Amino acid sequence: MLCNYTAKYTPLANGYMGQLVEWPEVITEGADLDECRTLLRDALHEMILAYRELSREIPCSHALIELIPMEIDLVSESA
């Protein structure tokens, strides 16, 4: 069974934090984006193994993820 997960990468002072949107417990940090991607994939692999061992349901996303661009400077308050 193929499951798709959405990775969110946040820049930190010393690298990146990576976390899965659908499974927030899968989280890691890396010195750069490539390392963070690799470590996040490893963390996902380990979490799947742990969930299987505990006979827990593995979260799998079937959601549509969409970016919504917004020019913040053009947003004004209206009465």
Protein backbone atom coordinates (compact mmCIF):
# COMPACT_ATOMS: atom_id res chain seq x y z
CA MET A 1 0.00 0.00 0.00
CA LEU A 2 1.38 3.38 -1.01
CA CYS A 3 0.79 6.27 1.38
CA ASN A 4 1.71 9.86 0.61
CA TYR A 5 2.88 12.20 3.33
CA THR A 6 3.38 15.95 3.26
CA ALA A 7 6.69 17.18 4.64
CA LYS A 8 6.93 20.66 6.15
CA TYR A 9 10.44 22.12 6.45
CA THR A 10 11.12 25.06 8.74
CA PRO A 11 14.46 26.92 8.63
CA LEU A 12 16.30 27.06 11.96
CA ALA A 13 19.38 29.00 13.02
CA ASN A 14 21.52 25.88 12.50
CA GLY A 15 19.64 23.95 9.78
CA TYR A 16 16.09 22.73 9.21
CA MET A 17 13.31 21.06 11.13
CA GLY A 18 11.22 18.58 9.16
CA GLN A 19 7.79 17.31 10.21
CA LEU A 20 4.99 15.36 8.54
CA VAL A 21 1.70 17.25 8.32
CA GLU A 22 -0.41 14.09 8.51
CA TRP A 23 1.68 12.51 11.28
CA PRO A 24 3.12 15.33 13.45
CA GLU A 25 4.93 12.88 15.75
CA VAL A 26 7.34 12.22 12.85
CA ILE A 27 9.75 15.10 13.30
CA THR A 28 13.49 15.62 12.97
CA GLU A 29 16.23 18.21 12.41
CA GLY A 30 19.10 18.33 9.94
CA ALA A 31 22.08 20.56 9.27
CA ASP A 32 20.75 21.32 5.78
CA LEU A 33 17.64 20.59 3.75
CA ASP A 34 19.01 17.43 2.13
CA GLU A 35 20.06 15.96 5.47
CA CYS A 36 16.70 16.89 6.98
CA ARG A 37 14.87 15.12 4.13
CA THR A 38 16.94 11.98 4.65
CA LEU A 39 16.44 12.02 8.41
CA LEU A 40 12.70 12.61 8.03
CA ARG A 41 12.39 9.60 5.73
CA ASP A 42 14.37 7.55 8.30
CA ALA A 43 12.13 8.80 11.12
CA LEU A 44 9.04 7.83 9.11
CA HIS A 45 10.46 4.36 8.50
CA GLU A 46 11.16 3.87 12.21
CA MET A 47 7.72 5.17 13.21
CA ILE A 48 6.02 2.75 10.83
CA LEU A 49 8.00 -0.13 12.34
CA ALA A 50 7.09 0.99 15.88
CA TYR A 51 3.40 1.34 15.03
CA ARG A 52 3.36 -2.13 13.45
CA GLU A 53 5.03 -3.62 16.53
CA LEU A 54 2.37 -1.99 18.73
CA SER A 55 -0.44 -3.03 16.35
CA ARG A 56 -1.44 0.62 15.94
CA GLU A 57 -3.08 2.04 12.83
CA ILE A 58 -0.59 3.80 10.58
CA PRO A 59 -1.88 7.24 9.49
CA CYS A 60 -2.17 7.52 5.72
CA SER A 61 -3.23 10.67 3.93
CA HIS A 62 -5.83 10.81 1.21
CA ALA A 63 -6.19 14.57 1.53
CA LEU A 64 -5.63 17.11 -1.18
CA ILE A 65 -2.90 19.52 -0.13
CA GLU A 66 -2.92 22.90 -1.83
CA LEU A 67 -0.78 26.00 -1.45
CA ILE A 68 -2.73 29.24 -1.27
CA PRO A 69 -0.55 32.19 -2.26
CA MET A 70 -1.39 35.53 -0.64
CA GLU A 71 0.37 38.86 -1.11
CA ILE A 72 0.38 39.98 2.53
CA ASP A 73 1.24 43.60 1.72
CA LEU A 74 -1.92 43.94 -0.37
CA VAL A 75 -4.28 42.80 2.40
CA SER A 76 -6.07 45.73 4.05
CA GLU A 77 -8.70 46.05 6.72
CA SER A 78 -12.18 46.86 5.47
CA ALA A 79 -14.99 48.38 7.51
